[in-house]
Amino acid sequence: MRLVTPGDSAPASVNKYLLPHENQVITVRRHPAVLMVPVGLVLGGLIVAGVLSNMATVVSWIWWGWLILLAWFVWRVAEWSVDYFVITNQRMLLTTGLITRKVAMMPLAKVTDMSFKRTIAGRMLGYGEFVLESAGQDQALSTVEYLPYPEQLYLEVCEMIFPNKNPSADD
């Protein structure tokens, strides 16, 4: 099963990094679980602010602090919304950042080994982490965390990196 069909177009924030002769194969946004810690901090801060506002004399400062925490959370959600993992027929790209844009890339031909990890939380929530290795070089893209559908992605990427050299008559 293809996660993105070749005819689909990448988001505009990613499309400008694709070469004219590249075909997009897979484009996924990182799993929303990447926002678990910010959500926990905002909810915890709300509870602390609620409890302290009944006890403290500087109630406005407590709520201003929580609003700053909420603004940070909104920023993290905005960053998550523009982060994509893209696989083309020639390379893998990870685009991150809202103001300072970072594009990490690894050519598929350079990948010598690929594995994925799934923690207990990852298995329960449906995300995983890819670990990419290349031939003795440090690459800009070596791990990609919080990927949705890790088994499907792993199988599709492995098929692209290590194609079947001896197709059967049925293929």
N, C-alpha and C. Protein backbone atom coordinates (compact mmCIF):
# COMPACT_ATOMS: atom_id res chain seq x y z
N MET A 1 0.84 -1.18 0.00
CA MET A 1 0.00 0.00 0.00
C MET A 1 0.88 1.24 0.00
N ARG A 2 0.67 2.12 -0.94
CA ARG A 2 1.42 3.38 -1.02
C ARG A 2 0.78 4.40 -0.09
N LEU A 3 1.61 5.12 0.67
CA LEU A 3 1.10 6.16 1.54
C LEU A 3 0.77 7.43 0.77
N VAL A 4 1.51 7.71 -0.28
CA VAL A 4 1.23 8.82 -1.18
C VAL A 4 1.47 8.30 -2.58
N THR A 5 0.50 8.46 -3.44
CA THR A 5 0.67 7.97 -4.81
C THR A 5 1.58 8.92 -5.57
N PRO A 6 2.30 8.43 -6.58
CA PRO A 6 3.23 9.28 -7.31
C PRO A 6 2.59 10.51 -7.94
N GLY A 7 1.31 10.49 -8.25
CA GLY A 7 0.66 11.64 -8.86
C GLY A 7 0.37 12.77 -7.88
N ASP A 8 0.36 12.46 -6.58
CA ASP A 8 0.08 13.50 -5.59
C ASP A 8 1.24 14.47 -5.52
N SER A 9 0.96 15.68 -5.10
CA SER A 9 2.03 16.66 -4.99
C SER A 9 2.38 16.86 -3.53
N ALA A 10 3.64 17.16 -3.30
CA ALA A 10 4.10 17.43 -1.95
C ALA A 10 3.58 18.78 -1.50
N PRO A 11 3.50 19.03 -0.20
CA PRO A 11 3.10 20.36 0.26
C PRO A 11 4.06 21.41 -0.32
N ALA A 12 3.56 22.62 -0.48
CA ALA A 12 4.37 23.69 -1.08
C ALA A 12 5.65 23.93 -0.30
N SER A 13 5.60 23.75 1.03
CA SER A 13 6.79 23.97 1.84
C SER A 13 7.88 22.93 1.57
N VAL A 14 7.51 21.81 0.98
CA VAL A 14 8.46 20.74 0.67
C VAL A 14 8.78 20.71 -0.82
N ASN A 15 7.80 21.01 -1.64
CA ASN A 15 7.94 20.88 -3.09
C ASN A 15 9.11 21.69 -3.64
N LYS A 16 9.41 22.82 -3.03
CA LYS A 16 10.51 23.64 -3.53
C LYS A 16 11.88 23.01 -3.32
N TYR A 17 11.96 21.95 -2.52
CA TYR A 17 13.24 21.26 -2.30
C TYR A 17 13.40 20.04 -3.19
N LEU A 18 12.38 19.71 -3.97
CA LEU A 18 12.46 18.57 -4.87
C LEU A 18 13.08 18.98 -6.19
N LEU A 19 13.93 18.13 -6.72
CA LEU A 19 14.56 18.40 -8.00
C LEU A 19 13.56 18.14 -9.12
N PRO A 20 13.74 18.79 -10.27
CA PRO A 20 12.76 18.63 -11.36
C PRO A 20 12.60 17.19 -11.84
N HIS A 21 13.64 16.39 -11.76
CA HIS A 21 13.57 15.02 -12.26
C HIS A 21 13.21 14.01 -11.16
N GLU A 22 12.94 14.48 -9.95
CA GLU A 22 12.58 13.57 -8.85
C GLU A 22 11.09 13.29 -8.85
N ASN A 23 10.75 12.07 -8.48
CA ASN A 23 9.35 11.69 -8.29
C ASN A 23 9.12 11.44 -6.82
N GLN A 24 8.17 12.14 -6.27
CA GLN A 24 7.81 11.95 -4.87
C GLN A 24 7.14 10.59 -4.72
N VAL A 25 7.56 9.84 -3.73
CA VAL A 25 6.96 8.53 -3.49
C VAL A 25 6.14 8.55 -2.19
N ILE A 26 6.73 9.06 -1.12
CA ILE A 26 6.07 9.08 0.19
C ILE A 26 6.29 10.45 0.83
N THR A 27 5.23 11.00 1.38
CA THR A 27 5.33 12.23 2.18
C THR A 27 4.46 12.04 3.41
N VAL A 28 5.07 12.15 4.58
CA VAL A 28 4.31 12.03 5.82
C VAL A 28 4.72 13.14 6.78
N ARG A 29 3.76 13.56 7.56
CA ARG A 29 4.04 14.48 8.66
C ARG A 29 4.41 13.63 9.86
N ARG A 30 5.23 14.14 10.72
CA ARG A 30 5.60 13.39 11.91
C ARG A 30 4.37 13.15 12.79
N HIS A 31 4.41 12.09 13.54
CA HIS A 31 3.26 11.68 14.36
C HIS A 31 2.94 12.76 15.41
N PRO A 32 1.66 13.00 15.69
CA PRO A 32 1.30 14.00 16.71
C PRO A 32 1.86 13.69 18.10
N ALA A 33 2.35 12.49 18.32
CA ALA A 33 2.94 12.14 19.61
C ALA A 33 4.15 13.01 19.92
N VAL A 34 4.72 13.65 18.92
CA VAL A 34 5.84 14.56 19.14
C VAL A 34 5.41 15.72 20.05
N LEU A 35 4.10 15.93 20.15
CA LEU A 35 3.56 17.02 20.98
C LEU A 35 3.14 16.57 22.37
N MET A 36 3.45 15.33 22.75
CA MET A 36 3.03 14.83 24.07
C MET A 36 3.60 15.65 25.22
N VAL A 37 4.89 15.94 25.18
CA VAL A 37 5.52 16.71 26.27
C VAL A 37 4.95 18.12 26.33
N PRO A 38 4.85 18.85 25.21
CA PRO A 38 4.24 20.19 25.30
C PRO A 38 2.80 20.18 25.84
N VAL A 39 2.00 19.19 25.42
CA VAL A 39 0.63 19.10 25.93
C VAL A 39 0.66 18.86 27.44
N GLY A 40 1.51 17.95 27.89
CA GLY A 40 1.62 17.67 29.32
C GLY A 40 2.05 18.90 30.11
N LEU A 41 3.00 19.67 29.56
CA LEU A 41 3.46 20.87 30.26
C LEU A 41 2.36 21.93 30.33
N VAL A 42 1.61 22.10 29.27
CA VAL A 42 0.55 23.11 29.27
C VAL A 42 -0.55 22.71 30.25
N LEU A 43 -0.94 21.44 30.23
CA LEU A 43 -1.98 20.99 31.17
C LEU A 43 -1.49 21.03 32.61
N GLY A 44 -0.25 20.60 32.83
CA GLY A 44 0.32 20.68 34.18
C GLY A 44 0.43 22.12 34.65
N GLY A 45 0.85 23.01 33.75
CA GLY A 45 0.94 24.43 34.10
C GLY A 45 -0.42 25.02 34.42
N LEU A 46 -1.45 24.58 33.70
CA LEU A 46 -2.81 25.06 33.98
C LEU A 46 -3.25 24.63 35.37
N ILE A 47 -2.97 23.39 35.71
CA ILE A 47 -3.35 22.90 37.04
C ILE A 47 -2.59 23.65 38.13
N VAL A 48 -1.28 23.83 37.93
CA VAL A 48 -0.47 24.56 38.91
C VAL A 48 -0.94 26.00 39.03
N ALA A 49 -1.22 26.65 37.90
CA ALA A 49 -1.70 28.03 37.93
C ALA A 49 -3.04 28.12 38.65
N GLY A 50 -3.93 27.15 38.42
CA GLY A 50 -5.23 27.15 39.09
C GLY A 50 -5.09 26.99 40.59
N VAL A 51 -4.21 26.10 41.01
CA VAL A 51 -4.01 25.87 42.45
C VAL A 51 -3.34 27.08 43.09
N LEU A 52 -2.29 27.60 42.44
CA LEU A 52 -1.57 28.73 43.02
C LEU A 52 -2.38 30.02 43.01
N SER A 53 -3.30 30.17 42.08
CA SER A 53 -4.08 31.41 42.02
C SER A 53 -5.02 31.52 43.21
N ASN A 54 -5.37 30.40 43.83
CA ASN A 54 -6.21 30.43 45.03
C ASN A 54 -5.39 30.75 46.27
N MET A 55 -4.08 30.54 46.22
CA MET A 55 -3.23 30.73 47.39
C MET A 55 -2.37 31.99 47.32
N ALA A 56 -2.02 32.40 46.14
CA ALA A 56 -1.03 33.47 45.99
C ALA A 56 -1.68 34.84 45.87
N THR A 57 -0.87 35.84 46.17
CA THR A 57 -1.33 37.22 46.04
C THR A 57 -0.97 37.81 44.69
N VAL A 58 -0.08 37.16 43.96
CA VAL A 58 0.35 37.64 42.63
C VAL A 58 -0.31 36.79 41.54
N VAL A 59 -1.62 36.77 41.57
CA VAL A 59 -2.39 35.91 40.66
C VAL A 59 -2.11 36.26 39.20
N SER A 60 -2.02 37.53 38.88
CA SER A 60 -1.83 37.90 37.47
C SER A 60 -0.50 37.37 36.93
N TRP A 61 0.54 37.38 37.73
CA TRP A 61 1.85 36.87 37.26
C TRP A 61 1.79 35.38 36.97
N ILE A 62 1.06 34.66 37.78
CA ILE A 62 0.92 33.21 37.58
C ILE A 62 0.23 32.95 36.24
N TRP A 63 -0.84 33.67 35.95
CA TRP A 63 -1.56 33.44 34.71
C TRP A 63 -0.78 33.96 33.50
N TRP A 64 -0.01 35.03 33.68
CA TRP A 64 0.85 35.49 32.58
C TRP A 64 1.90 34.42 32.26
N GLY A 65 2.41 33.79 33.28
CA GLY A 65 3.38 32.69 33.07
C GLY A 65 2.74 31.54 32.30
N TRP A 66 1.50 31.21 32.65
CA TRP A 66 0.82 30.13 31.93
C TRP A 66 0.53 30.52 30.49
N LEU A 67 0.19 31.79 30.24
CA LEU A 67 -0.04 32.24 28.87
C LEU A 67 1.24 32.16 28.03
N ILE A 68 2.38 32.43 28.63
CA ILE A 68 3.66 32.27 27.93
C ILE A 68 3.87 30.80 27.58
N LEU A 69 3.56 29.91 28.52
CA LEU A 69 3.66 28.47 28.27
C LEU A 69 2.70 28.05 27.15
N LEU A 70 1.52 28.61 27.14
CA LEU A 70 0.55 28.32 26.09
C LEU A 70 1.04 28.82 24.73
N ALA A 71 1.64 30.00 24.70
CA ALA A 71 2.19 30.53 23.44
C ALA A 71 3.30 29.63 22.92
N TRP A 72 4.13 29.11 23.82
CA TRP A 72 5.19 28.17 23.43
C TRP A 72 4.57 26.90 22.83
N PHE A 73 3.49 26.42 23.42
CA PHE A 73 2.79 25.25 22.90
C PHE A 73 2.26 25.50 21.49
N VAL A 74 1.64 26.65 21.28
CA VAL A 74 1.12 26.99 19.95
C VAL A 74 2.26 27.03 18.94
N TRP A 75 3.41 27.55 19.34
CA TRP A 75 4.59 27.58 18.47
C TRP A 75 5.01 26.17 18.09
N ARG A 76 5.04 25.26 19.06
CA ARG A 76 5.43 23.87 18.79
C ARG A 76 4.45 23.20 17.83
N VAL A 77 3.17 23.47 17.98
CA VAL A 77 2.17 22.91 17.06
C VAL A 77 2.39 23.46 15.65
N ALA A 78 2.66 24.75 15.56
CA ALA A 78 2.92 25.36 14.25
C ALA A 78 4.16 24.75 13.60
N GLU A 79 5.21 24.51 14.38
CA GLU A 79 6.41 23.86 13.83
C GLU A 79 6.09 22.45 13.36
N TRP A 80 5.34 21.71 14.15
CA TRP A 80 4.97 20.34 13.78
C TRP A 80 4.19 20.33 12.47
N SER A 81 3.36 21.33 12.28
CA SER A 81 2.51 21.33 11.09
C SER A 81 3.29 21.54 9.79
N VAL A 82 4.51 22.02 9.84
CA VAL A 82 5.31 22.23 8.63
C VAL A 82 6.47 21.24 8.51
N ASP A 83 6.61 20.32 9.44
CA ASP A 83 7.68 19.31 9.40
C ASP A 83 7.20 18.10 8.60
N TYR A 84 7.99 17.72 7.60
CA TYR A 84 7.63 16.57 6.76
C TYR A 84 8.83 15.67 6.54
N PHE A 85 8.55 14.38 6.40
CA PHE A 85 9.53 13.39 5.97
C PHE A 85 9.11 12.98 4.57
N VAL A 86 9.99 13.18 3.61
CA VAL A 86 9.68 12.95 2.20
C VAL A 86 10.66 11.94 1.64
N ILE A 87 10.14 10.99 0.88
CA ILE A 87 10.98 10.03 0.19
C ILE A 87 10.67 10.15 -1.29
N THR A 88 11.71 10.42 -2.06
CA THR A 88 11.56 10.49 -3.50
C THR A 88 12.20 9.25 -4.10
N ASN A 89 12.22 9.17 -5.41
CA ASN A 89 12.86 8.03 -6.04
C ASN A 89 14.39 8.09 -5.93
N GLN A 90 14.95 9.20 -5.43
CA GLN A 90 16.40 9.34 -5.34
C GLN A 90 16.93 9.62 -3.94
N ARG A 91 16.13 10.17 -3.04
CA ARG A 91 16.65 10.56 -1.74
C ARG A 91 15.56 10.67 -0.70
N MET A 92 16.00 10.82 0.55
CA MET A 92 15.11 11.05 1.69
C MET A 92 15.37 12.45 2.21
N LEU A 93 14.32 13.16 2.54
CA LEU A 93 14.44 14.51 3.07
C LEU A 93 13.62 14.64 4.34
N LEU A 94 14.14 15.39 5.30
CA LEU A 94 13.40 15.74 6.50
C LEU A 94 13.44 17.25 6.59
N THR A 95 12.28 17.89 6.44
CA THR A 95 12.21 19.35 6.53
C THR A 95 11.65 19.72 7.89
N THR A 96 12.32 20.64 8.58
CA THR A 96 11.90 21.06 9.91
C THR A 96 12.07 22.56 10.04
N GLY A 97 11.39 23.13 11.00
CA GLY A 97 11.56 24.53 11.34
C GLY A 97 10.53 25.44 10.71
N LEU A 98 10.15 26.45 11.47
CA LEU A 98 9.15 27.40 11.01
C LEU A 98 9.82 28.66 10.46
N ILE A 99 10.71 29.25 11.23
CA ILE A 99 11.42 30.44 10.77
C ILE A 99 12.76 30.06 10.16
N THR A 100 13.56 29.31 10.91
CA THR A 100 14.82 28.81 10.39
C THR A 100 14.53 27.44 9.80
N ARG A 101 14.54 27.32 8.51
CA ARG A 101 14.20 26.08 7.82
C ARG A 101 15.43 25.20 7.72
N LYS A 102 15.28 23.95 8.11
CA LYS A 102 16.36 22.99 8.02
C LYS A 102 15.90 21.83 7.14
N VAL A 103 16.71 21.48 6.16
CA VAL A 103 16.40 20.37 5.28
C VAL A 103 17.56 19.39 5.36
N ALA A 104 17.30 18.25 5.99
CA ALA A 104 18.30 17.18 6.06
C ALA A 104 18.00 16.19 4.95
N MET A 105 19.05 15.68 4.31
CA MET A 105 18.85 14.84 3.14
C MET A 105 19.87 13.72 3.12
N MET A 106 19.45 12.57 2.58
CA MET A 106 20.37 11.46 2.34
C MET A 106 19.96 10.80 1.03
N PRO A 107 20.91 10.65 0.11
CA PRO A 107 20.60 9.93 -1.13
C PRO A 107 20.28 8.46 -0.82
N LEU A 108 19.30 7.91 -1.50
CA LEU A 108 18.96 6.50 -1.28
C LEU A 108 20.13 5.59 -1.60
N ALA A 109 20.95 5.96 -2.57
CA ALA A 109 22.09 5.13 -2.96
C ALA A 109 23.14 5.04 -1.85
N LYS A 110 23.17 6.02 -0.94
CA LYS A 110 24.16 6.02 0.15
C LYS A 110 23.73 5.18 1.35
N VAL A 111 22.45 4.84 1.43
CA VAL A 111 21.95 4.09 2.59
C VAL A 111 22.44 2.65 2.49
N THR A 112 23.22 2.24 3.49
CA THR A 112 23.72 0.87 3.53
C THR A 112 22.92 -0.01 4.49
N ASP A 113 22.29 0.63 5.47
CA ASP A 113 21.51 -0.14 6.44
C ASP A 113 20.42 0.77 7.00
N MET A 114 19.28 0.19 7.27
CA MET A 114 18.18 0.95 7.84
C MET A 114 17.42 0.06 8.80
N SER A 115 17.09 0.62 9.95
CA SER A 115 16.28 -0.11 10.92
C SER A 115 15.28 0.87 11.53
N PHE A 116 14.33 0.32 12.25
CA PHE A 116 13.43 1.21 12.98
C PHE A 116 13.23 0.68 14.38
N LYS A 117 12.99 1.61 15.28
CA LYS A 117 12.77 1.29 16.69
C LYS A 117 11.36 1.70 17.05
N ARG A 118 10.77 0.92 17.95
CA ARG A 118 9.46 1.27 18.48
C ARG A 118 9.48 1.04 19.98
N THR A 119 9.31 2.09 20.73
CA THR A 119 9.21 1.97 22.18
C THR A 119 7.82 1.45 22.53
N ILE A 120 7.59 1.21 23.79
CA ILE A 120 6.25 0.77 24.22
C ILE A 120 5.23 1.86 23.90
N ALA A 121 5.58 3.11 24.19
CA ALA A 121 4.67 4.21 23.87
C ALA A 121 4.46 4.29 22.35
N GLY A 122 5.51 4.06 21.58
CA GLY A 122 5.40 4.08 20.13
C GLY A 122 4.48 3.00 19.61
N ARG A 123 4.52 1.81 20.23
CA ARG A 123 3.62 0.73 19.81
C ARG A 123 2.18 1.04 20.17
N MET A 124 1.98 1.65 21.32
CA MET A 124 0.61 1.97 21.74
C MET A 124 0.02 3.10 20.91
N LEU A 125 0.85 4.10 20.56
CA LEU A 125 0.34 5.27 19.85
C LEU A 125 0.53 5.21 18.34
N GLY A 126 1.34 4.28 17.86
CA GLY A 126 1.48 4.10 16.42
C GLY A 126 2.59 4.91 15.76
N TYR A 127 3.72 5.07 16.42
CA TYR A 127 4.84 5.76 15.80
C TYR A 127 6.14 4.99 16.03
N GLY A 128 7.16 5.35 15.27
CA GLY A 128 8.45 4.70 15.40
C GLY A 128 9.56 5.65 14.97
N GLU A 129 10.79 5.15 15.04
CA GLU A 129 11.97 5.93 14.70
C GLU A 129 12.81 5.16 13.69
N PHE A 130 13.20 5.83 12.62
CA PHE A 130 14.10 5.23 11.63
C PHE A 130 15.54 5.56 12.00
N VAL A 131 16.40 4.58 11.84
CA VAL A 131 17.84 4.77 12.03
C VAL A 131 18.50 4.40 10.71
N LEU A 132 19.13 5.39 10.09
CA LEU A 132 19.75 5.22 8.77
C LEU A 132 21.26 5.21 8.91
N GLU A 133 21.91 4.33 8.18
CA GLU A 133 23.36 4.27 8.17
C GLU A 133 23.87 4.34 6.75
N SER A 134 25.00 5.01 6.61
CA SER A 134 25.63 5.10 5.29
C SER A 134 27.06 4.59 5.40
N ALA A 135 27.71 4.45 4.28
CA ALA A 135 29.05 3.86 4.22
C ALA A 135 30.10 4.78 4.85
N GLY A 136 30.28 4.65 6.16
CA GLY A 136 31.36 5.31 6.86
C GLY A 136 31.35 6.82 6.89
N GLN A 137 30.25 7.45 6.61
CA GLN A 137 30.20 8.91 6.60
C GLN A 137 29.12 9.39 7.57
N ASP A 138 29.37 10.55 8.16
CA ASP A 138 28.33 11.19 8.95
C ASP A 138 27.38 11.89 7.99
N GLN A 139 26.12 11.64 8.13
CA GLN A 139 25.12 12.24 7.25
C GLN A 139 24.25 13.20 8.04
N ALA A 140 23.67 14.15 7.35
CA ALA A 140 22.76 15.10 7.99
C ALA A 140 21.49 14.40 8.48
N LEU A 141 21.17 13.29 7.86
CA LEU A 141 19.96 12.55 8.20
C LEU A 141 20.35 11.16 8.67
N SER A 142 20.37 10.96 9.97
CA SER A 142 20.72 9.63 10.48
C SER A 142 19.59 9.01 11.30
N THR A 143 18.78 9.83 11.95
CA THR A 143 17.60 9.32 12.65
C THR A 143 16.41 10.21 12.35
N VAL A 144 15.26 9.59 12.24
CA VAL A 144 14.01 10.31 12.04
C VAL A 144 13.04 9.77 13.06
N GLU A 145 12.68 10.62 14.03
CA GLU A 145 11.81 10.20 15.12
C GLU A 145 10.35 10.50 14.83
N TYR A 146 9.48 9.81 15.54
CA TYR A 146 8.04 10.05 15.50
C TYR A 146 7.44 9.90 14.11
N LEU A 147 7.76 8.82 13.43
CA LEU A 147 7.18 8.56 12.12
C LEU A 147 5.92 7.71 12.27
N PRO A 148 4.83 8.11 11.62
CA PRO A 148 3.63 7.28 11.67
C PRO A 148 3.79 6.08 10.74
N TYR A 149 3.02 5.06 10.94
CA TYR A 149 3.02 3.85 10.11
C TYR A 149 4.44 3.30 9.91
N PRO A 150 5.20 3.06 10.97
CA PRO A 150 6.61 2.71 10.77
C PRO A 150 6.83 1.41 10.01
N GLU A 151 5.98 0.40 10.21
CA GLU A 151 6.19 -0.85 9.48
C GLU A 151 5.98 -0.66 7.98
N GLN A 152 4.90 0.03 7.61
CA GLN A 152 4.64 0.28 6.19
C GLN A 152 5.76 1.10 5.57
N LEU A 153 6.15 2.16 6.24
CA LEU A 153 7.23 3.00 5.73
C LEU A 153 8.52 2.20 5.58
N TYR A 154 8.82 1.40 6.58
CA TYR A 154 10.04 0.60 6.56
C TYR A 154 10.06 -0.33 5.35
N LEU A 155 8.97 -1.04 5.13
CA LEU A 155 8.92 -1.97 4.01
C LEU A 155 9.01 -1.25 2.66
N GLU A 156 8.32 -0.13 2.52
CA GLU A 156 8.38 0.61 1.26
C GLU A 156 9.76 1.18 0.99
N VAL A 157 10.38 1.73 2.02
CA VAL A 157 11.71 2.31 1.84
C VAL A 157 12.74 1.21 1.56
N CYS A 158 12.63 0.10 2.26
CA CYS A 158 13.55 -1.02 2.00
C CYS A 158 13.41 -1.53 0.57
N GLU A 159 12.19 -1.56 0.08
CA GLU A 159 11.96 -1.99 -1.30
C GLU A 159 12.62 -1.03 -2.29
N MET A 160 12.62 0.25 -1.95
CA MET A 160 13.26 1.24 -2.83
C MET A 160 14.78 1.17 -2.75
N ILE A 161 15.30 0.96 -1.54
CA ILE A 161 16.76 0.92 -1.36
C ILE A 161 17.34 -0.39 -1.88
N PHE A 162 16.66 -1.47 -1.61
CA PHE A 162 17.14 -2.80 -1.99
C PHE A 162 16.11 -3.46 -2.90
N PRO A 163 16.01 -3.02 -4.15
CA PRO A 163 14.98 -3.59 -5.05
C PRO A 163 15.28 -5.04 -5.37
N ASN A 164 14.23 -5.76 -5.76
CA ASN A 164 14.37 -7.16 -6.15
C ASN A 164 15.12 -7.22 -7.47
N LYS A 165 16.33 -7.75 -7.44
CA LYS A 165 17.17 -7.80 -8.65
C LYS A 165 16.74 -8.92 -9.59
N ASN A 166 16.05 -9.93 -9.05
CA ASN A 166 15.64 -11.09 -9.87
C ASN A 166 14.13 -11.24 -9.82
N PRO A 167 13.41 -10.39 -10.53
CA PRO A 167 11.94 -10.51 -10.49
C PRO A 167 11.48 -11.83 -11.09
N SER A 168 10.41 -12.35 -10.53
CA SER A 168 9.86 -13.61 -11.05
C SER A 168 9.03 -13.33 -12.29
N ALA A 169 8.57 -14.39 -12.91
CA ALA A 169 7.75 -14.27 -14.12
C ALA A 169 6.40 -13.63 -13.82
N ASP A 170 5.96 -13.71 -12.54
CA ASP A 170 4.67 -13.15 -12.15
C ASP A 170 4.71 -11.63 -12.08
N ASP A 171 5.90 -11.03 -11.94
CA ASP A 171 6.01 -9.59 -11.76
C ASP A 171 5.88 -8.84 -13.03
